[in-house]
């Protein structure tokens, strides 16, 4: 009778598998934690102003931040309350005017007995420079006060951020009947993580091409066309990869000077060197035969 042998699992095979599974689970957990934090930040609502029953409510949200144009788009919904409104806050009983800060383009006017609709308001950004991408940061001053029928009326305002590419830090206060929001804007965690990953990937590809070029040159492999095709493809693929950076940063930002331009230069130099040395290696046998 033949006895069946039981093969014991090798410990050397279990450990790498467990390590890979742990790494995948850790990466998924970290990603979920980062996404939850950004979702909480986008759901945060900042408020300031009066709680009087007869007041003007302003709901504002940052829709889009244009760092290149140095402005943000603020979507504003104005709702009069109490004796200041008619038809349940749809329209004001008298002419309503909202005064804004100097960084905002013009005041907002709403005629009496007319429907109040949502408006998009551009706000100028101050400080920072887009060339610092992905570590650039900006400031914006948002201020609102209201007059109706020629008299100052109380204002209450809420502010939220809807641009997932930016995180907002807001200081809200009420000063002399006006609501003031000092907003600090910076790239969100997802943008920072992706930009840093892009820089690391660019350097990794450049080093990979450098190692391949060193091998081909030292071993005098001649014109190895698959390797040359891979190097040329990497050279042009990096440009498309760089243009996929979130926020469309312009050429000359920190991302370029830390990684992209150097990676392109390394790959181009390696490609040229491999072609020249390969051409010389290919000509040596023919020259020896001719002699």
Protein backbone atom coordinates (compact mmCIF):
# COMPACT_ATOMS: atom_id res chain seq x y z
CA UNK A 1 0.00 0.00 0.00
CA UNK A 2 1.28 3.36 -0.95
CA UNK A 3 1.14 6.07 1.57
CA UNK A 4 0.11 9.55 0.51
CA UNK A 5 2.51 12.25 1.57
CA UNK A 6 1.19 15.39 3.06
CA UNK A 7 3.06 18.42 1.85
CA UNK A 8 3.44 20.99 4.52
CA UNK A 9 3.08 24.56 3.29
CA UNK A 10 6.37 26.27 3.18
CA UNK A 11 6.74 29.17 5.48
CA UNK A 12 8.77 31.00 2.85
CA UNK A 13 5.73 31.10 0.55
CA UNK A 14 3.21 32.16 3.20
CA UNK A 15 5.12 35.20 4.42
CA UNK A 16 5.36 37.01 1.03
CA UNK A 17 1.66 36.32 0.37
CA UNK A 18 0.68 37.66 3.79
CA UNK A 19 2.90 40.70 3.27
CA UNK A 20 1.29 41.46 -0.10
CA UNK A 21 -2.21 41.10 1.35
CA UNK A 22 -1.33 43.33 4.30
CA UNK A 23 0.12 45.98 1.97
CA UNK A 24 -3.00 45.97 -0.22
CA UNK A 25 -5.32 46.24 2.78
CA UNK A 26 -3.21 49.02 4.30
CA UNK A 27 -3.28 50.96 1.01
CA UNK A 28 -7.05 50.55 0.71
CA UNK A 29 -7.53 51.65 4.31
CA UNK A 30 -5.30 54.69 3.87
CA UNK A 31 -7.13 55.68 0.69
CA UNK A 32 -10.53 55.32 2.35
CA UNK A 33 -9.35 57.40 5.31
CA UNK A 34 -8.05 60.17 3.03
CA UNK A 35 -11.26 60.19 0.98
CA UNK A 36 -13.40 60.32 4.13
CA UNK A 37 -11.39 63.27 5.42
CA UNK A 38 -11.82 65.18 2.16
CA UNK A 39 -15.53 64.40 2.10
CA UNK A 40 -15.87 65.76 5.62
CA UNK A 41 -14.00 68.91 4.60
CA UNK A 42 -16.29 69.46 1.60
CA UNK A 43 -19.36 68.96 3.80
CA UNK A 44 -18.17 71.55 6.34
CA UNK A 45 -20.30 74.70 6.42
CA UNK A 46 -19.02 77.92 8.01
CA UNK A 47 -21.53 80.49 9.27
CA UNK A 48 -21.55 83.97 10.74
CA UNK A 49 -24.02 86.79 11.26
CA UNK A 50 -27.22 87.70 13.00
CA UNK A 51 -29.99 85.32 14.07
CA UNK A 52 -32.72 88.01 14.09
CA UNK A 53 -36.05 86.88 12.58
CA UNK A 54 -36.03 89.79 10.11
CA UNK A 55 -32.77 89.29 8.24
CA UNK A 56 -31.19 88.39 4.92
CA UNK A 57 -29.78 84.87 4.57
CA UNK A 58 -26.90 84.32 2.18
CA UNK A 59 -25.88 80.81 1.15
CA UNK A 60 -22.55 80.88 -0.67
CA UNK A 61 -20.42 78.05 -2.02
CA UNK A 62 -17.07 78.03 -3.78
CA UNK A 63 -17.80 76.40 -7.13
CA UNK A 64 -14.45 76.64 -8.87
CA UNK A 65 -10.99 78.01 -8.10
CA UNK A 66 -9.03 79.33 -11.08
CA UNK A 67 -5.45 79.67 -9.87
CA UNK A 68 -4.17 80.73 -13.30
CA UNK A 69 -6.81 83.48 -13.54
CA UNK A 70 -6.38 84.28 -9.83
CA UNK A 71 -10.06 84.19 -9.00
CA UNK A 72 -12.71 81.90 -7.59
CA UNK A 73 -16.36 81.59 -8.57
CA UNK A 74 -18.73 82.04 -5.65
CA UNK A 75 -22.33 80.89 -6.12
CA UNK A 76 -24.64 83.03 -4.01
CA UNK A 77 -28.28 82.44 -3.05
CA UNK A 78 -29.94 85.35 -1.24
CA UNK A 79 -33.11 84.77 0.79
CA UNK A 80 -34.87 87.56 2.74
CA UNK A 81 -36.60 86.45 5.93
CA UNK A 82 -39.42 87.68 8.13
CA UNK A 83 -40.87 91.11 7.34
CA UNK A 84 -38.17 91.67 4.72
CA UNK A 85 -39.63 89.00 2.43
CA UNK A 86 -42.81 88.15 0.64
CA UNK A 87 -43.98 84.86 -0.89
CA UNK A 88 -41.98 82.85 1.61
CA UNK A 89 -38.63 84.50 0.90
CA UNK A 90 -38.88 84.35 -2.88
CA UNK A 91 -38.73 88.15 -3.31
CA UNK A 92 -37.95 91.18 -1.11
CA UNK A 93 -40.65 93.65 -0.07
CA UNK A 94 -38.37 96.59 -1.00
CA UNK A 95 -35.26 97.07 -3.11
CA UNK A 96 -32.48 94.97 -1.64
CA UNK A 97 -28.77 95.69 -2.15
CA UNK A 98 -25.84 93.60 -0.99
CA UNK A 99 -22.54 95.43 -0.54
CA UNK A 100 -19.46 93.27 -1.08
CA UNK A 101 -15.74 93.53 -0.41
CA UNK A 102 -13.27 95.20 -2.76
CA UNK A 103 -12.07 91.79 -4.00
CA UNK A 104 -15.55 91.10 -5.37
CA UNK A 105 -16.67 92.60 -8.67
CA UNK A 106 -19.57 94.87 -7.83
CA UNK A 107 -22.54 94.86 -5.49
CA UNK A 108 -25.70 92.80 -5.93
CA UNK A 109 -29.10 94.43 -6.42
CA UNK A 110 -32.52 92.78 -6.21
CA UNK A 111 -35.60 94.87 -7.13
CA UNK A 112 -38.64 94.74 -4.89
CA UNK A 113 -41.33 92.15 -5.63
CA UNK A 114 -39.05 90.30 -8.09
CA UNK A 115 -37.87 86.75 -7.77
CA UNK A 116 -34.40 86.31 -6.27
CA UNK A 117 -32.28 83.87 -8.27
CA UNK A 118 -28.89 82.28 -7.74
CA UNK A 119 -25.90 84.31 -8.97
CA UNK A 120 -22.27 83.45 -9.70
CA UNK A 121 -19.87 86.03 -8.32
CA UNK A 122 -16.13 86.17 -9.19
CA UNK A 123 -13.81 86.88 -6.25
CA UNK A 124 -10.17 87.90 -6.67
CA UNK A 125 -7.48 85.70 -5.10
CA UNK A 126 -4.49 87.22 -3.34
CA UNK A 127 -1.12 85.79 -2.36
CA UNK A 128 0.52 82.65 -3.65
CA UNK A 129 1.64 81.73 -7.15
CA UNK A 130 0.60 78.87 -9.40
CA UNK A 131 4.28 78.22 -10.15
CA UNK A 132 4.48 76.73 -6.63
CA UNK A 133 2.19 73.86 -7.73
CA UNK A 134 1.38 71.53 -6.01
CA UNK A 135 2.22 73.47 -2.84
CA UNK A 136 0.60 76.77 -3.88
CA UNK A 137 -1.86 78.51 -1.55
CA UNK A 138 -4.13 81.53 -1.90
CA UNK A 139 -6.27 83.90 0.16
CA UNK A 140 -9.66 85.46 -0.51
CA UNK A 141 -11.62 88.07 1.45
CA UNK A 142 -15.41 87.71 1.23
CA UNK A 143 -17.62 90.31 2.91
CA UNK A 144 -21.35 91.01 2.71
CA UNK A 145 -23.66 93.60 4.22
CA UNK A 146 -27.23 94.43 3.20
CA UNK A 147 -29.50 97.45 2.89
CA UNK A 148 -33.21 97.30 2.13
CA UNK A 149 -35.32 100.37 1.61
CA UNK A 150 -32.29 102.53 2.35
CA UNK A 151 -31.71 101.03 5.82
CA UNK A 152 -29.11 98.55 7.03
CA UNK A 153 -30.61 95.12 7.76
CA UNK A 154 -29.12 92.10 9.60
CA UNK A 155 -27.29 89.48 7.56
CA UNK A 156 -26.52 85.83 8.18
CA UNK A 157 -24.22 83.94 5.81
CA UNK A 158 -23.07 80.36 5.34
CA UNK A 159 -20.07 79.36 3.24
CA UNK A 160 -19.04 75.95 1.89
CA UNK A 161 -16.47 74.64 -0.56
CA UNK A 162 -17.51 72.52 -3.56
CA UNK A 163 -14.18 72.42 -5.42
CA UNK A 164 -12.66 69.00 -4.73
CA UNK A 165 -9.23 70.14 -5.98
CA UNK A 166 -8.83 72.61 -3.11
CA UNK A 167 -9.17 72.57 0.65
CA UNK A 168 -10.42 75.64 2.46
CA UNK A 169 -9.60 77.09 5.88
CA UNK A 170 -12.13 79.75 6.86
CA UNK A 171 -12.23 82.37 9.61
CA UNK A 172 -15.76 83.79 9.95
CA UNK A 173 -16.81 86.86 11.93
CA UNK A 174 -19.43 89.61 12.12
CA UNK A 175 -18.05 93.16 12.13
CA UNK A 176 -20.35 96.22 12.36
CA UNK A 177 -23.32 94.37 10.89
CA UNK A 178 -21.32 92.84 8.05
CA UNK A 179 -20.25 89.22 7.73
CA UNK A 180 -16.57 88.71 6.94
CA UNK A 181 -14.98 85.46 5.75
CA UNK A 182 -11.21 85.16 5.41
CA UNK A 183 -10.67 82.12 3.21
CA UNK A 184 -7.36 80.28 2.80
CA UNK A 185 -7.19 77.89 -0.15
CA UNK A 186 -4.64 75.16 -0.77
CA UNK A 187 -4.44 72.01 -2.85
CA UNK A 188 -6.45 69.11 -1.46
CA UNK A 189 -4.77 66.00 -0.06
CA UNK A 190 -5.69 63.97 -3.14
CA UNK A 191 -3.98 66.50 -5.42
CA UNK A 192 -0.88 66.55 -3.21
CA UNK A 193 -0.68 62.75 -3.09
CA UNK A 194 -1.14 62.42 -6.83
CA UNK A 195 1.39 65.16 -7.63
CA UNK A 196 4.02 63.62 -5.34
CA UNK A 197 3.32 60.21 -6.91
CA UNK A 198 3.79 61.75 -10.36
CA UNK A 199 7.18 63.18 -9.39
CA UNK A 200 8.29 59.85 -7.89
CA UNK A 201 7.10 57.97 -10.99
CA UNK A 202 8.94 60.36 -13.31
CA UNK A 203 12.20 59.86 -11.44
CA UNK A 204 11.64 56.09 -11.31
CA UNK A 205 11.16 55.93 -15.08
CA UNK A 206 14.20 58.12 -15.67
CA UNK A 207 16.36 55.90 -13.44
CA UNK A 208 15.00 52.79 -15.20
CA UNK A 209 16.00 54.17 -18.59
CA UNK A 210 19.39 55.17 -17.18
CA UNK A 211 20.02 51.62 -15.93
CA UNK A 212 18.95 50.14 -19.27
CA UNK A 213 21.18 52.56 -21.16
CA UNK A 214 24.14 51.73 -18.91
CA UNK A 215 23.64 48.03 -19.59
CA UNK A 216 23.42 48.49 -23.37
CA UNK A 217 26.46 50.76 -23.50
CA UNK A 218 28.74 48.70 -21.24
CA UNK A 219 27.81 45.41 -22.93
CA UNK A 220 28.16 46.99 -26.40
CA UNK A 221 24.82 45.57 -27.51
CA UNK A 222 24.62 47.67 -30.64
CA UNK A 223 21.33 49.07 -31.94
CA UNK A 224 18.80 47.15 -29.87
CA UNK A 225 15.59 48.37 -31.42
CA UNK A 226 13.10 47.18 -28.75
CA UNK A 227 15.11 49.01 -26.09
CA UNK A 228 15.34 52.13 -28.23
CA UNK A 229 11.59 52.00 -28.83
CA UNK A 230 10.93 51.71 -25.11
CA UNK A 231 13.16 54.70 -24.34
CA UNK A 232 11.58 56.86 -27.04
CA UNK A 233 8.07 55.87 -25.91
CA UNK A 234 8.95 56.77 -22.31
CA UNK A 235 10.27 60.14 -23.44
CA UNK A 236 6.98 61.11 -25.10
CA UNK A 237 4.74 59.33 -22.57
CA UNK A 238 6.11 61.45 -19.75
CA UNK A 239 4.82 64.61 -21.46
CA UNK A 240 1.29 63.18 -21.64
CA UNK A 241 1.60 61.95 -18.05
CA UNK A 242 2.66 65.40 -16.89
CA UNK A 243 -0.30 67.04 -18.68
CA UNK A 244 -2.63 64.78 -16.68
CA UNK A 245 -1.71 66.58 -13.45
CA UNK A 246 -4.91 67.74 -11.69
CA UNK A 247 -5.53 71.45 -11.97
CA UNK A 248 -3.67 71.81 -15.31
CA UNK A 249 -0.55 73.57 -13.93
CA UNK A 250 1.42 75.65 -16.47
CA UNK A 251 4.89 74.77 -17.69
CA UNK A 252 7.50 76.09 -15.29
CA UNK A 253 5.85 75.11 -12.01
CA UNK A 254 7.59 73.34 -9.14
CA UNK A 255 6.49 69.95 -10.48
CA UNK A 256 8.55 70.55 -13.62
CA UNK A 257 11.69 71.73 -11.87
CA UNK A 258 11.65 68.95 -9.29
CA UNK A 259 10.95 66.04 -11.63
CA UNK A 260 9.56 66.43 -15.15
CA UNK A 261 12.27 68.50 -16.85
CA UNK A 262 15.08 66.48 -15.27
CA UNK A 263 13.44 63.17 -16.14
CA UNK A 264 13.01 64.25 -19.75
CA UNK A 265 16.64 65.41 -19.92
CA UNK A 266 17.96 62.13 -18.46
CA UNK A 267 15.89 59.99 -20.83
CA UNK A 268 16.81 62.08 -23.89
CA UNK A 269 20.54 61.92 -23.04
CA UNK A 270 20.34 58.15 -22.47
CA UNK A 271 18.55 57.63 -25.78
CA UNK A 272 21.10 59.67 -27.72
CA UNK A 273 24.02 57.94 -25.99
CA UNK A 274 22.64 54.47 -26.72
CA UNK A 275 22.10 55.33 -30.39
CA UNK A 276 25.64 56.72 -30.83
CA UNK A 277 27.41 53.87 -29.02
CA UNK A 278 25.17 51.30 -30.69
CA UNK A 279 25.95 52.72 -34.10
CA UNK A 280 29.66 52.49 -33.39
CA UNK A 281 29.31 48.92 -32.14
CA UNK A 282 27.40 47.96 -35.29
CA UNK A 283 30.12 49.43 -37.54
CA UNK A 284 33.06 47.68 -35.83
CA UNK A 285 32.46 44.20 -37.36
CA UNK A 286 32.05 45.62 -40.85
CA UNK A 287 35.23 47.68 -40.48
CA UNK A 288 37.18 44.62 -39.32
CA UNK A 289 35.84 42.58 -42.24
CA UNK A 290 36.83 45.25 -44.76
CA UNK A 291 40.42 45.13 -43.47
